[in-house]
N, C-alpha and C. Protein backbone atom coordinates (compact mmCIF):
# COMPACT_ATOMS: atom_id res chain seq x y z
N MET A 1 -26.17 -1.68 7.71
CA MET A 1 -27.03 -2.29 6.70
C MET A 1 -26.31 -3.41 6.04
N GLY A 2 -27.01 -4.34 5.48
CA GLY A 2 -26.43 -5.55 4.87
C GLY A 2 -25.91 -5.33 3.47
N ASN A 3 -26.40 -6.12 2.55
CA ASN A 3 -25.73 -6.27 1.27
C ASN A 3 -26.46 -5.67 0.09
N CYS A 4 -27.65 -5.08 0.21
CA CYS A 4 -28.33 -4.49 -0.95
C CYS A 4 -27.57 -3.22 -1.35
N THR A 5 -27.07 -3.20 -2.57
CA THR A 5 -26.21 -2.07 -3.01
C THR A 5 -26.87 -1.20 -4.03
N ASN A 6 -27.90 -1.60 -4.63
CA ASN A 6 -28.53 -0.83 -5.72
C ASN A 6 -29.46 0.22 -5.11
N PRO A 7 -29.09 1.52 -5.18
CA PRO A 7 -29.89 2.55 -4.56
C PRO A 7 -31.31 2.64 -5.12
N SER A 8 -31.48 2.40 -6.44
CA SER A 8 -32.83 2.52 -6.96
C SER A 8 -33.71 1.40 -6.39
N MET A 9 -33.14 0.26 -6.10
CA MET A 9 -33.92 -0.82 -5.48
C MET A 9 -34.39 -0.40 -4.08
N LYS A 10 -33.49 0.27 -3.36
CA LYS A 10 -33.86 0.71 -2.00
C LYS A 10 -34.99 1.78 -2.09
N ASP A 11 -34.89 2.68 -3.07
CA ASP A 11 -35.94 3.66 -3.27
C ASP A 11 -37.30 3.00 -3.53
N LYS A 12 -37.29 1.95 -4.36
CA LYS A 12 -38.51 1.26 -4.67
C LYS A 12 -39.15 0.59 -3.44
N MET A 13 -38.28 0.33 -2.48
CA MET A 13 -38.75 -0.46 -1.29
C MET A 13 -39.33 0.42 -0.21
N LYS A 14 -39.38 1.72 -0.38
CA LYS A 14 -40.01 2.58 0.64
C LYS A 14 -41.49 2.22 0.68
N LYS A 15 -42.01 2.17 1.86
CA LYS A 15 -43.38 1.71 1.99
C LYS A 15 -44.26 2.73 2.73
N ASP A 16 -45.55 2.65 2.47
CA ASP A 16 -46.48 3.60 3.08
C ASP A 16 -46.75 3.29 4.53
N ARG A 17 -46.72 2.04 4.91
CA ARG A 17 -46.95 1.69 6.29
C ARG A 17 -45.86 0.69 6.71
N GLU A 18 -45.65 0.64 8.01
CA GLU A 18 -44.63 -0.27 8.54
C GLU A 18 -45.25 -1.70 8.62
N LEU A 19 -44.38 -2.66 8.64
CA LEU A 19 -44.81 -4.06 8.85
C LEU A 19 -45.27 -4.22 10.26
N ARG A 20 -46.34 -5.01 10.42
CA ARG A 20 -46.82 -5.32 11.76
C ARG A 20 -45.92 -6.35 12.37
N PRO A 21 -45.85 -6.43 13.73
CA PRO A 21 -45.00 -7.42 14.42
C PRO A 21 -45.23 -8.86 13.89
N GLU A 22 -46.48 -9.22 13.63
CA GLU A 22 -46.74 -10.60 13.16
C GLU A 22 -46.21 -10.81 11.73
N GLU A 23 -46.16 -9.73 10.93
CA GLU A 23 -45.55 -9.85 9.60
C GLU A 23 -44.05 -10.02 9.69
N ILE A 24 -43.39 -9.28 10.60
CA ILE A 24 -41.98 -9.41 10.83
C ILE A 24 -41.64 -10.79 11.33
N GLU A 25 -42.51 -11.32 12.19
CA GLU A 25 -42.29 -12.69 12.71
C GLU A 25 -42.43 -13.74 11.62
N GLU A 26 -43.37 -13.50 10.68
CA GLU A 26 -43.49 -14.42 9.57
C GLU A 26 -42.24 -14.36 8.69
N LEU A 27 -41.70 -13.16 8.47
CA LEU A 27 -40.43 -13.05 7.72
C LEU A 27 -39.32 -13.76 8.48
N ARG A 28 -39.29 -13.60 9.80
CA ARG A 28 -38.22 -14.23 10.60
C ARG A 28 -38.30 -15.77 10.50
N GLU A 29 -39.52 -16.29 10.57
CA GLU A 29 -39.71 -17.75 10.44
C GLU A 29 -39.21 -18.24 9.10
N ALA A 30 -39.60 -17.57 8.05
CA ALA A 30 -39.16 -17.97 6.68
C ALA A 30 -37.64 -17.88 6.57
N PHE A 31 -37.08 -16.81 7.10
CA PHE A 31 -35.62 -16.64 7.02
C PHE A 31 -34.90 -17.75 7.80
N LYS A 32 -35.41 -18.07 8.96
CA LYS A 32 -34.76 -19.12 9.77
C LYS A 32 -34.79 -20.49 9.11
N GLU A 33 -35.81 -20.75 8.29
CA GLU A 33 -35.90 -22.01 7.55
C GLU A 33 -34.68 -22.26 6.71
N PHE A 34 -34.10 -21.15 6.19
CA PHE A 34 -32.98 -21.25 5.23
C PHE A 34 -31.65 -20.76 5.78
N ASP A 35 -31.66 -20.12 6.92
CA ASP A 35 -30.45 -19.67 7.59
C ASP A 35 -29.81 -20.84 8.29
N ARG A 36 -28.58 -21.15 7.93
CA ARG A 36 -27.89 -22.27 8.55
C ARG A 36 -27.08 -21.80 9.77
N ASN A 37 -27.75 -21.02 10.63
CA ASN A 37 -27.14 -20.44 11.83
C ASN A 37 -25.90 -19.59 11.54
N LYS A 38 -25.93 -18.90 10.41
CA LYS A 38 -24.83 -18.03 10.05
C LYS A 38 -25.28 -16.56 9.98
N GLY A 39 -26.57 -16.35 10.10
CA GLY A 39 -27.10 -14.98 10.06
C GLY A 39 -27.43 -14.48 8.67
N TYR A 40 -27.39 -15.36 7.68
CA TYR A 40 -27.72 -15.01 6.33
C TYR A 40 -28.21 -16.23 5.59
N ILE A 41 -28.86 -15.92 4.44
CA ILE A 41 -29.22 -17.00 3.55
C ILE A 41 -28.50 -16.76 2.21
N ASN A 42 -28.19 -17.84 1.53
CA ASN A 42 -27.52 -17.73 0.23
C ASN A 42 -28.48 -17.29 -0.80
N CYS A 43 -27.97 -16.56 -1.76
CA CYS A 43 -28.76 -16.09 -2.90
C CYS A 43 -29.53 -17.24 -3.57
N ARG A 44 -28.90 -18.39 -3.69
CA ARG A 44 -29.56 -19.49 -4.41
C ARG A 44 -30.76 -20.04 -3.62
N ASP A 45 -30.79 -19.79 -2.30
CA ASP A 45 -31.93 -20.27 -1.47
C ASP A 45 -33.06 -19.23 -1.44
N LEU A 46 -32.82 -18.05 -1.94
CA LEU A 46 -33.77 -16.97 -1.82
C LEU A 46 -35.08 -17.31 -2.51
N GLY A 47 -35.04 -17.89 -3.72
CA GLY A 47 -36.27 -18.22 -4.44
C GLY A 47 -37.10 -19.26 -3.66
N GLU A 48 -36.46 -20.26 -3.10
CA GLU A 48 -37.17 -21.26 -2.34
C GLU A 48 -37.78 -20.67 -1.08
N CYS A 49 -37.00 -19.79 -0.45
CA CYS A 49 -37.53 -19.07 0.74
C CYS A 49 -38.76 -18.26 0.38
N MET A 50 -38.71 -17.56 -0.72
CA MET A 50 -39.87 -16.76 -1.15
C MET A 50 -41.05 -17.65 -1.42
N ARG A 51 -40.80 -18.84 -2.00
CA ARG A 51 -41.88 -19.76 -2.30
C ARG A 51 -42.58 -20.25 -1.01
N THR A 52 -41.78 -20.47 0.04
CA THR A 52 -42.38 -20.91 1.33
C THR A 52 -43.31 -19.86 1.88
N MET A 53 -43.10 -18.59 1.40
CA MET A 53 -44.00 -17.51 1.89
C MET A 53 -45.16 -17.31 0.96
N GLY A 54 -45.27 -18.10 -0.10
CA GLY A 54 -46.39 -17.98 -0.99
C GLY A 54 -46.15 -17.11 -2.22
N TYR A 55 -44.90 -16.63 -2.40
CA TYR A 55 -44.55 -15.84 -3.56
C TYR A 55 -43.95 -16.74 -4.63
N MET A 56 -44.22 -16.48 -5.86
CA MET A 56 -43.70 -17.27 -6.97
C MET A 56 -42.87 -16.42 -7.89
N PRO A 57 -41.61 -16.19 -7.44
CA PRO A 57 -40.74 -15.38 -8.32
C PRO A 57 -40.33 -16.12 -9.58
N THR A 58 -40.24 -15.38 -10.69
CA THR A 58 -39.79 -15.95 -11.93
C THR A 58 -38.26 -16.05 -11.85
N GLU A 59 -37.71 -16.88 -12.77
CA GLU A 59 -36.26 -17.00 -12.80
C GLU A 59 -35.62 -15.63 -13.11
N MET A 60 -36.24 -14.81 -13.93
CA MET A 60 -35.71 -13.51 -14.24
C MET A 60 -35.69 -12.61 -13.01
N GLU A 61 -36.79 -12.67 -12.23
CA GLU A 61 -36.82 -11.85 -11.00
C GLU A 61 -35.72 -12.27 -10.05
N LEU A 62 -35.46 -13.59 -9.97
CA LEU A 62 -34.39 -14.09 -9.08
C LEU A 62 -33.02 -13.65 -9.56
N ILE A 63 -32.82 -13.63 -10.90
CA ILE A 63 -31.53 -13.21 -11.43
C ILE A 63 -31.37 -11.71 -11.14
N GLU A 64 -32.42 -10.89 -11.30
CA GLU A 64 -32.31 -9.48 -11.00
C GLU A 64 -32.03 -9.24 -9.52
N LEU A 65 -32.70 -10.02 -8.67
CA LEU A 65 -32.47 -9.87 -7.23
C LEU A 65 -31.04 -10.25 -6.87
N SER A 66 -30.58 -11.34 -7.44
CA SER A 66 -29.20 -11.79 -7.12
C SER A 66 -28.14 -10.77 -7.54
N GLN A 67 -28.45 -9.96 -8.57
CA GLN A 67 -27.48 -8.97 -9.02
C GLN A 67 -27.40 -7.79 -8.05
N THR A 68 -28.43 -7.64 -7.20
CA THR A 68 -28.44 -6.53 -6.23
C THR A 68 -27.88 -6.96 -4.89
N ILE A 69 -27.55 -8.25 -4.72
CA ILE A 69 -27.06 -8.76 -3.47
C ILE A 69 -25.56 -9.02 -3.59
N THR A 70 -24.78 -8.32 -2.78
CA THR A 70 -23.34 -8.45 -2.82
C THR A 70 -22.92 -9.72 -2.08
N GLY A 71 -21.96 -10.41 -2.68
CA GLY A 71 -21.38 -11.61 -2.01
C GLY A 71 -22.28 -12.80 -1.95
N GLY A 72 -23.42 -12.76 -2.63
CA GLY A 72 -24.30 -13.93 -2.71
C GLY A 72 -25.01 -14.27 -1.40
N LYS A 73 -25.02 -13.33 -0.48
CA LYS A 73 -25.68 -13.59 0.82
C LYS A 73 -26.59 -12.42 1.16
N ILE A 74 -27.67 -12.76 1.85
CA ILE A 74 -28.62 -11.74 2.28
C ILE A 74 -28.90 -11.92 3.76
N ASP A 75 -28.70 -10.84 4.57
CA ASP A 75 -28.94 -10.96 5.99
C ASP A 75 -30.43 -10.65 6.28
N PHE A 76 -30.82 -10.80 7.53
CA PHE A 76 -32.22 -10.61 7.87
C PHE A 76 -32.73 -9.21 7.55
N GLU A 77 -31.91 -8.21 7.87
CA GLU A 77 -32.34 -6.84 7.61
C GLU A 77 -32.59 -6.59 6.14
N ASP A 78 -31.71 -7.10 5.28
CA ASP A 78 -31.94 -6.98 3.84
C ASP A 78 -33.11 -7.80 3.38
N PHE A 79 -33.30 -8.93 4.03
CA PHE A 79 -34.45 -9.78 3.67
C PHE A 79 -35.75 -9.08 3.94
N VAL A 80 -35.82 -8.38 5.13
CA VAL A 80 -37.01 -7.59 5.45
C VAL A 80 -37.17 -6.47 4.46
N GLU A 81 -36.07 -5.82 4.08
CA GLU A 81 -36.14 -4.73 3.09
C GLU A 81 -36.63 -5.21 1.74
N LEU A 82 -36.22 -6.42 1.38
CA LEU A 82 -36.64 -7.04 0.11
C LEU A 82 -38.05 -7.52 0.15
N MET A 83 -38.40 -8.26 1.21
CA MET A 83 -39.70 -8.92 1.26
C MET A 83 -40.80 -8.08 1.85
N GLY A 84 -40.45 -7.05 2.62
CA GLY A 84 -41.45 -6.21 3.26
C GLY A 84 -42.44 -5.60 2.26
N PRO A 85 -41.92 -4.95 1.24
CA PRO A 85 -42.90 -4.38 0.25
C PRO A 85 -43.75 -5.45 -0.43
N LYS A 86 -43.19 -6.63 -0.67
CA LYS A 86 -44.00 -7.71 -1.28
C LYS A 86 -45.07 -8.13 -0.32
N MET A 87 -44.73 -8.22 0.95
CA MET A 87 -45.68 -8.60 1.94
C MET A 87 -46.80 -7.54 2.09
N LEU A 88 -46.39 -6.29 2.09
CA LEU A 88 -47.35 -5.20 2.21
C LEU A 88 -48.32 -5.19 1.01
N ALA A 89 -47.82 -5.59 -0.15
CA ALA A 89 -48.62 -5.55 -1.36
C ALA A 89 -49.39 -6.85 -1.63
N GLU A 90 -49.12 -7.86 -0.80
CA GLU A 90 -49.72 -9.17 -1.12
C GLU A 90 -51.25 -9.09 -1.08
N THR A 91 -51.82 -9.94 -1.85
CA THR A 91 -53.26 -10.00 -1.93
C THR A 91 -53.82 -10.91 -0.83
N ALA A 92 -55.07 -10.77 -0.57
CA ALA A 92 -55.70 -11.57 0.54
C ALA A 92 -55.65 -13.07 0.29
N ASP A 93 -55.54 -13.48 -0.96
CA ASP A 93 -55.58 -14.91 -1.24
C ASP A 93 -54.23 -15.59 -1.20
N MET A 94 -53.15 -14.85 -0.93
CA MET A 94 -51.84 -15.48 -0.86
C MET A 94 -51.70 -16.27 0.46
N ILE A 95 -50.98 -17.35 0.35
CA ILE A 95 -50.76 -18.18 1.51
C ILE A 95 -49.42 -17.86 2.10
N GLY A 96 -49.34 -17.59 3.39
CA GLY A 96 -48.10 -17.27 4.06
C GLY A 96 -47.48 -18.53 4.68
N VAL A 97 -46.26 -18.37 5.17
CA VAL A 97 -45.53 -19.51 5.72
C VAL A 97 -46.24 -20.10 6.94
N LYS A 98 -46.84 -19.26 7.77
CA LYS A 98 -47.54 -19.78 8.94
C LYS A 98 -48.70 -20.69 8.55
N GLU A 99 -49.48 -20.22 7.55
CA GLU A 99 -50.61 -21.03 7.10
C GLU A 99 -50.13 -22.37 6.45
N LEU A 100 -49.05 -22.24 5.70
CA LEU A 100 -48.50 -23.48 5.08
C LEU A 100 -48.01 -24.46 6.18
N ARG A 101 -47.36 -23.93 7.19
CA ARG A 101 -46.81 -24.76 8.26
C ARG A 101 -47.99 -25.40 9.04
N ASP A 102 -49.02 -24.58 9.30
CA ASP A 102 -50.19 -25.14 10.02
C ASP A 102 -50.86 -26.25 9.21
N ALA A 103 -51.00 -26.02 7.88
CA ALA A 103 -51.62 -27.02 7.02
C ALA A 103 -50.74 -28.28 7.01
N PHE A 104 -49.40 -28.09 6.93
CA PHE A 104 -48.50 -29.27 6.91
C PHE A 104 -48.65 -30.07 8.20
N LYS A 105 -48.74 -29.39 9.31
CA LYS A 105 -48.86 -30.06 10.61
C LYS A 105 -50.18 -30.88 10.65
N GLU A 106 -51.24 -30.32 10.03
CA GLU A 106 -52.51 -31.07 9.95
C GLU A 106 -52.37 -32.35 9.19
N PHE A 107 -51.63 -32.29 8.06
CA PHE A 107 -51.44 -33.46 7.24
C PHE A 107 -50.49 -34.46 7.92
N ASP A 108 -49.46 -33.93 8.60
CA ASP A 108 -48.43 -34.77 9.26
C ASP A 108 -48.96 -35.19 10.63
N SER A 109 -49.88 -36.12 10.66
CA SER A 109 -50.57 -36.47 11.89
C SER A 109 -49.66 -37.09 12.95
N ASN A 110 -48.59 -37.77 12.57
CA ASN A 110 -47.69 -38.35 13.58
C ASN A 110 -46.57 -37.42 13.95
N GLY A 111 -46.46 -36.24 13.33
CA GLY A 111 -45.51 -35.22 13.72
C GLY A 111 -44.05 -35.54 13.40
N ASP A 112 -43.78 -36.44 12.44
CA ASP A 112 -42.41 -36.79 12.14
C ASP A 112 -41.74 -35.86 11.08
N GLY A 113 -42.50 -34.83 10.63
CA GLY A 113 -41.90 -33.89 9.70
C GLY A 113 -42.09 -34.30 8.25
N GLN A 114 -42.81 -35.41 8.00
CA GLN A 114 -43.03 -35.86 6.63
C GLN A 114 -44.46 -36.40 6.54
N ILE A 115 -45.04 -36.29 5.35
CA ILE A 115 -46.37 -36.77 5.10
C ILE A 115 -46.27 -38.10 4.35
N SER A 116 -46.79 -39.13 4.93
CA SER A 116 -46.78 -40.46 4.30
C SER A 116 -48.02 -40.61 3.42
N VAL A 117 -48.06 -41.67 2.65
CA VAL A 117 -49.23 -41.99 1.82
C VAL A 117 -50.46 -42.10 2.69
N THR A 118 -50.31 -42.78 3.83
CA THR A 118 -51.44 -42.99 4.74
C THR A 118 -51.94 -41.65 5.26
N GLU A 119 -51.02 -40.76 5.72
CA GLU A 119 -51.40 -39.47 6.23
C GLU A 119 -52.05 -38.60 5.14
N LEU A 120 -51.51 -38.69 3.94
CA LEU A 120 -52.11 -37.92 2.82
C LEU A 120 -53.51 -38.43 2.54
N ARG A 121 -53.67 -39.72 2.54
CA ARG A 121 -54.99 -40.36 2.27
C ARG A 121 -55.99 -39.88 3.34
N GLU A 122 -55.59 -39.95 4.62
CA GLU A 122 -56.48 -39.55 5.72
C GLU A 122 -56.86 -38.04 5.56
N ALA A 123 -55.87 -37.19 5.32
CA ALA A 123 -56.13 -35.76 5.19
C ALA A 123 -57.02 -35.45 4.02
N MET A 124 -56.79 -36.09 2.89
CA MET A 124 -57.58 -35.84 1.70
C MET A 124 -59.03 -36.32 1.88
N LYS A 125 -59.22 -37.41 2.58
CA LYS A 125 -60.55 -37.87 2.88
C LYS A 125 -61.30 -36.88 3.75
N LYS A 126 -60.59 -36.33 4.76
CA LYS A 126 -61.19 -35.33 5.62
C LYS A 126 -61.60 -34.11 4.82
N LEU A 127 -60.72 -33.67 3.92
CA LEU A 127 -60.93 -32.49 3.13
C LEU A 127 -61.97 -32.68 2.02
N MET A 128 -61.89 -33.83 1.36
CA MET A 128 -62.71 -34.02 0.13
C MET A 128 -63.75 -35.14 0.27
N GLY A 129 -63.86 -35.73 1.44
CA GLY A 129 -64.78 -36.85 1.56
C GLY A 129 -64.28 -38.02 0.78
N GLU A 130 -65.18 -38.71 0.18
CA GLU A 130 -64.85 -39.92 -0.62
C GLU A 130 -64.64 -39.59 -2.11
N GLN A 131 -64.51 -38.30 -2.41
CA GLN A 131 -64.39 -37.90 -3.83
C GLN A 131 -63.10 -38.40 -4.48
N LEU A 132 -62.05 -38.60 -3.71
CA LEU A 132 -60.79 -39.06 -4.31
C LEU A 132 -60.61 -40.56 -4.06
N ASN A 133 -60.24 -41.24 -5.07
CA ASN A 133 -59.92 -42.66 -4.88
C ASN A 133 -58.43 -42.85 -4.63
N SER A 134 -58.02 -44.08 -4.33
CA SER A 134 -56.64 -44.34 -3.99
C SER A 134 -55.71 -43.95 -5.10
N ARG A 135 -56.09 -44.20 -6.34
CA ARG A 135 -55.21 -43.86 -7.45
C ARG A 135 -54.98 -42.32 -7.57
N ASP A 136 -56.05 -41.54 -7.31
CA ASP A 136 -55.92 -40.08 -7.31
C ASP A 136 -54.93 -39.63 -6.24
N ILE A 137 -55.07 -40.18 -5.04
CA ILE A 137 -54.18 -39.85 -3.95
C ILE A 137 -52.71 -40.26 -4.28
N ASP A 138 -52.54 -41.46 -4.83
CA ASP A 138 -51.22 -41.88 -5.24
C ASP A 138 -50.61 -40.94 -6.29
N ASP A 139 -51.44 -40.46 -7.19
CA ASP A 139 -50.99 -39.48 -8.22
C ASP A 139 -50.56 -38.17 -7.59
N ILE A 140 -51.30 -37.69 -6.61
CA ILE A 140 -50.98 -36.48 -5.91
C ILE A 140 -49.63 -36.66 -5.19
N LEU A 141 -49.47 -37.77 -4.49
CA LEU A 141 -48.23 -38.02 -3.79
C LEU A 141 -47.06 -38.11 -4.76
N ARG A 142 -47.22 -38.80 -5.86
CA ARG A 142 -46.16 -38.96 -6.82
C ARG A 142 -45.75 -37.57 -7.37
N ASP A 143 -46.73 -36.73 -7.65
CA ASP A 143 -46.42 -35.37 -8.15
C ASP A 143 -45.69 -34.53 -7.08
N ALA A 144 -46.09 -34.68 -5.88
CA ALA A 144 -45.54 -33.86 -4.77
C ALA A 144 -44.18 -34.40 -4.29
N ASP A 145 -43.96 -35.70 -4.39
CA ASP A 145 -42.75 -36.32 -3.85
C ASP A 145 -41.61 -36.16 -4.87
N LEU A 146 -40.95 -35.02 -4.78
CA LEU A 146 -39.90 -34.68 -5.77
C LEU A 146 -38.66 -35.55 -5.68
N ASN A 147 -38.30 -35.99 -4.46
CA ASN A 147 -37.10 -36.81 -4.29
C ASN A 147 -37.35 -38.30 -4.38
N GLY A 148 -38.61 -38.71 -4.53
CA GLY A 148 -38.95 -40.10 -4.78
C GLY A 148 -38.84 -41.02 -3.56
N ASP A 149 -38.83 -40.41 -2.36
CA ASP A 149 -38.68 -41.29 -1.16
C ASP A 149 -40.01 -41.82 -0.62
N GLY A 150 -41.15 -41.50 -1.31
CA GLY A 150 -42.44 -41.97 -0.84
C GLY A 150 -43.06 -41.16 0.23
N LEU A 151 -42.39 -40.04 0.57
CA LEU A 151 -42.89 -39.12 1.62
C LEU A 151 -42.82 -37.69 1.08
N VAL A 152 -43.63 -36.81 1.71
CA VAL A 152 -43.64 -35.39 1.34
C VAL A 152 -43.12 -34.61 2.52
N ASP A 153 -41.94 -33.93 2.34
CA ASP A 153 -41.43 -33.08 3.40
C ASP A 153 -42.00 -31.68 3.25
N PHE A 154 -41.66 -30.76 4.13
CA PHE A 154 -42.25 -29.45 4.10
C PHE A 154 -41.93 -28.72 2.79
N GLU A 155 -40.73 -28.79 2.33
CA GLU A 155 -40.33 -28.11 1.07
C GLU A 155 -41.17 -28.65 -0.11
N GLU A 156 -41.34 -29.95 -0.17
CA GLU A 156 -42.14 -30.54 -1.25
C GLU A 156 -43.63 -30.14 -1.06
N PHE A 157 -44.11 -30.04 0.15
CA PHE A 157 -45.46 -29.62 0.46
C PHE A 157 -45.70 -28.19 -0.06
N VAL A 158 -44.72 -27.31 0.20
CA VAL A 158 -44.82 -25.89 -0.25
C VAL A 158 -44.95 -25.85 -1.75
N ARG A 159 -44.09 -26.63 -2.45
CA ARG A 159 -44.12 -26.63 -3.91
C ARG A 159 -45.49 -27.14 -4.38
N MET A 160 -45.99 -28.19 -3.74
CA MET A 160 -47.27 -28.81 -4.15
C MET A 160 -48.38 -27.75 -3.94
N MET A 161 -48.37 -27.06 -2.88
CA MET A 161 -49.43 -26.07 -2.59
C MET A 161 -49.31 -24.82 -3.41
N SER A 162 -48.15 -24.60 -4.01
CA SER A 162 -47.89 -23.40 -4.82
C SER A 162 -48.29 -23.58 -6.29
N ARG A 163 -48.58 -24.78 -6.64
CA ARG A 163 -48.93 -25.03 -8.10
C ARG A 163 -50.32 -24.60 -8.43
């Protein structure tokens, strides 16, 4: 077993049903996004990883989680133990990483891994018709473009969709 050391946390994580293979695959995809080929993700990346899966942990929840993780690292087995119950309890309206990735690919029409103003404009017109004007689209892009490079990458897209 990995790094979860708090026994009461492990007790809380017992579940009534097992995760389905597609749920485990969704966890694996999210984990791989943040695993830098070392077999673990850093504690500080855990919140962002959870957000890519559609969960919005508070800073307090993240602090509590980090206190249960020894060495500041969480391996895949512990990640499943941590996220499995959340996934099992998720509501039907939560967006998972696969859905977010599929939506991102729809917006990213040239497949370069980033959404440009032009791509955002095209996607929004498809979704909303002519309801949005150029200024509205520019405002959406400005809000989503956290690093100010004029493009929206997957991480920025996840944050935009999570608001």
